[in-house]
Amino acid sequence: MVIDVDDTLCLTEAVCFELENEVLRRIGRRPMSRAVHLSTWGMPLLDAMLERSPGLDLQDFTAAYRLVLGDYVRTGRLDVITPENLAALDVLLAEGRRLMLLTSRTEAEMEHLLAPEHVLADRLTAAYHADNTPFSKPDPRAFTPLLADTGLRPDECVYVGDSPSDGQAANGAGLHFIACLHSGIRRPQHFAGCRVDAFIDTFPDVVGAVANLEGALRGP
């Protein structure tokens, strides 16, 4: 099982909107609108910021972002994984499934989630991000290092994500895809261009969705 981070394992769009506007404020830039943030949600951060704040100096933004990100992580405002979501991961592990993350975040954005003391440390087999896979979603080659490292066939894997770009990447790479609607930002119609094996309303619903998918693939 391969899992996206933002608005899949963690609900993050609203807090990231707040965080990024705080960074813009600190470097003397005007805040972005929520509509602009939502329209670029799912893109790699620095690519998105060029649309969210045209003319932005990315070096200034990155330096201030590291400080604000640290504040949000230390105060527990960002990347909160609920007990229910952790329990779902534990059920999946008990069923013998390997759990991996694949995200468009950079290593710096993932550092706290990958720390040895983090609750995910003993639950994940691997994590793939913008600094250890050369392609970003929706490019299906984002999955190439993961498939090479594990030796798994694409049809043996399922990706759980929240955006059409997640679905496009999974479809293109030959993985199964489960769309998570937990954030409320997207609805099934937003995935009209994707092949979706299941929709889930909350992340813990993934346990049943994966079991159903596996049963359907095995047949009667």
Protein backbone atom coordinates (compact mmCIF):
# COMPACT_ATOMS: atom_id res chain seq x y z
CA MET A 1 0.00 0.00 0.00
CA VAL A 2 1.27 3.40 -1.02
CA ILE A 3 -0.21 6.41 0.77
CA ASP A 4 -0.22 10.12 0.02
CA VAL A 5 0.40 12.49 2.94
CA ASP A 6 -1.53 15.73 2.44
CA ASP A 7 -5.29 15.45 2.95
CA THR A 8 -5.00 11.66 2.93
CA LEU A 9 -2.99 10.49 5.93
CA CYS A 10 -3.17 14.00 7.45
CA LEU A 11 -5.66 16.82 6.85
CA THR A 12 -3.35 19.66 5.91
CA GLU A 13 -4.72 22.05 3.27
CA ALA A 14 -6.31 24.53 5.69
CA VAL A 15 -3.30 24.67 8.00
CA CYS A 16 -0.88 24.92 5.05
CA PHE A 17 -2.87 27.88 3.73
CA GLU A 18 -2.42 29.58 7.10
CA LEU A 19 1.26 28.60 7.36
CA GLU A 20 2.19 29.79 3.87
CA ASN A 21 0.41 33.10 4.33
CA GLU A 22 2.36 33.60 7.55
CA VAL A 23 5.56 33.04 5.56
CA LEU A 24 4.44 35.56 2.94
CA ARG A 25 3.65 38.07 5.71
CA ARG A 26 7.11 37.66 7.24
CA ILE A 27 8.84 38.41 3.93
CA GLY A 28 6.62 41.38 3.14
CA ARG A 29 4.36 39.77 0.54
CA ARG A 30 0.61 40.08 0.24
CA PRO A 31 -1.41 37.05 1.37
CA MET A 32 -2.89 34.69 -1.19
CA SER A 33 -6.59 33.92 -1.39
CA ARG A 34 -7.99 30.58 -0.33
CA ALA A 35 -9.30 30.07 -3.87
CA VAL A 36 -5.77 30.37 -5.30
CA HIS A 37 -4.43 27.98 -2.67
CA LEU A 38 -7.09 25.40 -3.43
CA SER A 39 -6.58 25.68 -7.19
CA THR A 40 -2.87 24.85 -6.80
CA TRP A 41 -3.22 22.31 -4.00
CA GLY A 42 -1.35 19.11 -4.76
CA MET A 43 1.44 20.78 -6.73
CA PRO A 44 5.03 20.71 -5.41
CA LEU A 45 5.23 23.60 -2.95
CA LEU A 46 7.70 25.88 -4.73
CA ASP A 47 5.97 25.42 -8.09
CA ALA A 48 2.68 26.27 -6.45
CA MET A 49 4.06 29.32 -4.66
CA LEU A 50 5.05 30.92 -7.96
CA GLU A 51 1.35 30.86 -8.87
CA ARG A 52 0.13 31.75 -5.40
CA SER A 53 2.42 34.78 -5.16
CA PRO A 54 3.65 35.84 -8.64
CA GLY A 55 7.13 37.36 -8.57
CA LEU A 56 8.00 35.62 -5.31
CA ASP A 57 11.70 35.24 -4.46
CA LEU A 58 11.90 31.51 -3.76
CA GLN A 59 15.09 31.81 -1.72
CA ASP A 60 13.45 34.33 0.63
CA PHE A 61 10.35 32.17 0.85
CA THR A 62 12.32 28.98 1.54
CA ALA A 63 14.39 30.53 4.32
CA ALA A 64 11.31 31.89 6.11
CA TYR A 65 9.31 28.73 5.41
CA ARG A 66 11.78 26.56 7.31
CA LEU A 67 11.34 28.69 10.42
CA VAL A 68 7.56 28.80 10.26
CA LEU A 69 7.34 25.10 9.43
CA GLY A 70 9.40 24.33 12.53
CA ASP A 71 7.05 26.43 14.66
CA TYR A 72 3.97 24.65 13.32
CA VAL A 73 5.47 21.20 13.80
CA ARG A 74 6.65 21.93 17.35
CA THR A 75 3.24 23.30 18.37
CA GLY A 76 1.36 20.36 16.89
CA ARG A 77 -0.53 22.37 14.28
CA LEU A 78 0.75 20.54 11.21
CA ASP A 79 0.75 16.90 10.12
CA VAL A 80 -1.47 15.62 12.88
CA ILE A 81 -2.12 11.91 12.40
CA THR A 82 -5.24 11.02 14.37
CA PRO A 83 -5.48 7.94 16.58
CA GLU A 84 -8.10 6.58 14.17
CA ASN A 85 -5.71 6.88 11.24
CA LEU A 86 -2.90 5.24 13.19
CA ALA A 87 -5.24 2.42 14.16
CA ALA A 88 -6.09 1.91 10.48
CA LEU A 89 -2.39 1.66 9.65
CA ASP A 90 -1.96 -0.91 12.40
CA VAL A 91 -4.81 -3.04 11.03
CA LEU A 92 -3.24 -2.94 7.58
CA LEU A 93 0.11 -3.96 9.04
CA ALA A 94 -1.48 -6.80 11.00
CA GLU A 95 -2.96 -8.02 7.72
CA GLY A 96 0.57 -8.29 6.35
CA ARG A 97 0.56 -5.26 4.10
CA ARG A 98 3.65 -3.15 3.48
CA LEU A 99 3.03 0.56 3.95
CA MET A 100 4.89 3.24 2.01
CA LEU A 101 4.44 6.97 1.52
CA LEU A 102 4.68 8.77 -1.80
CA THR A 103 4.36 12.55 -1.79
CA SER A 104 5.37 15.59 -3.82
CA ARG A 105 6.84 17.15 -0.67
CA THR A 106 10.57 17.71 -0.39
CA GLU A 107 12.78 15.91 2.12
CA ALA A 108 12.87 19.06 4.26
CA GLU A 109 9.06 19.06 4.39
CA MET A 110 9.08 15.37 5.35
CA GLU A 111 11.96 15.41 7.84
CA HIS A 112 9.80 15.50 10.98
CA LEU A 113 7.53 12.70 9.72
CA LEU A 114 10.53 10.49 9.02
CA ALA A 115 12.32 11.08 12.32
CA PRO A 116 13.19 7.87 14.23
CA GLU A 117 11.02 8.92 17.17
CA HIS A 118 7.93 9.66 15.05
CA VAL A 119 4.86 7.42 15.35
CA LEU A 120 5.29 6.42 11.70
CA ALA A 121 8.84 5.13 12.15
CA ASP A 122 7.88 1.54 12.97
CA ARG A 123 4.95 1.48 10.58
CA LEU A 124 6.52 2.46 7.25
CA THR A 125 8.65 0.36 4.93
CA ALA A 126 9.78 3.41 2.94
CA ALA A 127 8.91 6.97 1.99
CA TYR A 128 9.33 8.57 -1.43
CA HIS A 129 9.43 12.33 -1.91
CA ALA A 130 10.72 15.00 -4.29
CA ASP A 131 14.32 14.42 -3.26
CA ASN A 132 14.50 10.65 -3.78
CA THR A 133 12.26 10.21 -6.80
CA PRO A 134 13.03 12.33 -9.86
CA PHE A 135 9.45 12.81 -11.04
CA SER A 136 6.40 14.34 -9.37
CA LYS A 137 2.76 13.41 -9.71
CA PRO A 138 0.86 13.35 -12.04
CA ASP A 139 3.86 11.85 -13.87
CA PRO A 140 3.49 8.06 -13.42
CA ARG A 141 7.27 7.76 -13.24
CA ALA A 142 6.97 9.05 -9.66
CA PHE A 143 6.38 5.38 -8.76
CA THR A 144 9.40 4.01 -10.66
CA PRO A 145 11.92 4.04 -7.74
CA LEU A 146 9.36 2.48 -5.39
CA LEU A 147 8.58 -0.34 -7.80
CA ALA A 148 12.29 -0.90 -8.50
CA ASP A 149 13.18 -0.98 -4.80
CA THR A 150 10.40 -3.37 -3.80
CA GLY A 151 10.38 -5.61 -6.86
CA LEU A 152 6.58 -5.43 -6.83
CA ARG A 153 4.47 -5.35 -9.97
CA PRO A 154 2.27 -2.25 -10.32
CA ASP A 155 -0.89 -4.38 -10.15
CA GLU A 156 0.23 -5.63 -6.74
CA CYS A 157 0.11 -2.08 -5.35
CA VAL A 158 -2.62 0.37 -4.48
CA TYR A 159 -2.15 4.11 -4.08
CA VAL A 160 -4.38 6.06 -1.72
CA GLY A 161 -4.59 9.78 -2.51
CA ASP A 162 -6.90 12.75 -2.48
CA SER A 163 -6.43 14.43 -5.86
CA PRO A 164 -7.01 13.71 -9.55
CA SER A 165 -3.26 14.07 -10.09
CA ASP A 166 -2.78 11.18 -7.65
CA GLY A 167 -5.20 9.12 -9.70
CA GLN A 168 -3.54 10.05 -12.98
CA ALA A 169 -0.13 9.02 -11.68
CA ALA A 170 -1.40 5.73 -10.28
CA ASN A 171 -3.36 4.94 -13.45
CA GLY A 172 -0.41 5.73 -15.68
CA ALA A 173 1.91 3.53 -13.63
CA GLY A 174 -0.57 0.64 -13.54
CA LEU A 175 -1.35 0.81 -9.81
CA HIS A 176 -4.79 0.48 -8.31
CA PHE A 177 -6.15 3.75 -6.92
CA ILE A 178 -8.35 4.64 -3.95
CA ALA A 179 -9.59 8.22 -3.71
CA CYS A 180 -9.83 9.70 -0.21
CA LEU A 181 -12.52 12.41 0.12
CA HIS A 182 -11.88 13.13 3.81
CA SER A 183 -10.86 16.77 3.34
CA GLY A 184 -14.14 17.69 1.63
CA ILE A 185 -12.22 19.61 -1.03
CA ARG A 186 -12.97 17.11 -3.78
CA ARG A 187 -15.95 14.97 -4.73
CA PRO A 188 -16.24 11.88 -6.92
CA GLN A 189 -16.97 13.97 -10.01
CA HIS A 190 -13.52 15.57 -9.74
CA PHE A 191 -12.06 12.14 -10.55
CA ALA A 192 -14.07 11.66 -13.74
CA GLY A 193 -10.88 11.35 -15.78
CA CYS A 194 -9.39 8.67 -13.52
CA ARG A 195 -9.92 4.97 -13.00
CA VAL A 196 -10.86 4.75 -9.31
CA ASP A 197 -11.15 1.39 -7.57
CA ALA A 198 -12.91 2.85 -4.54
CA PHE A 199 -13.87 6.13 -2.89
CA ILE A 200 -13.49 6.47 0.88
CA ASP A 201 -15.06 9.18 3.03
CA THR A 202 -12.43 8.99 5.78
CA PHE A 203 -8.95 7.50 5.84
CA PRO A 204 -9.87 4.60 8.21
CA ASP A 205 -12.33 3.41 5.55
CA VAL A 206 -9.27 2.30 3.57
CA VAL A 207 -9.14 -0.95 5.55
CA GLY A 208 -12.46 -2.15 4.15
CA ALA A 209 -11.77 -0.71 0.70
CA VAL A 210 -8.50 -2.61 0.36
CA ALA A 211 -10.11 -5.84 1.59
CA ASN A 212 -12.93 -5.43 -0.95
CA LEU A 213 -10.45 -4.69 -3.74
CA GLU A 214 -8.37 -7.72 -2.87
CA GLY A 215 -11.47 -9.91 -2.77
CA ALA A 216 -12.63 -8.65 -6.17
CA LEU A 217 -9.22 -9.33 -7.69
CA ARG A 218 -9.16 -12.87 -6.32
CA GLY A 219 -12.61 -13.58 -7.67
CA PRO A 220 -15.12 -16.17 -6.43
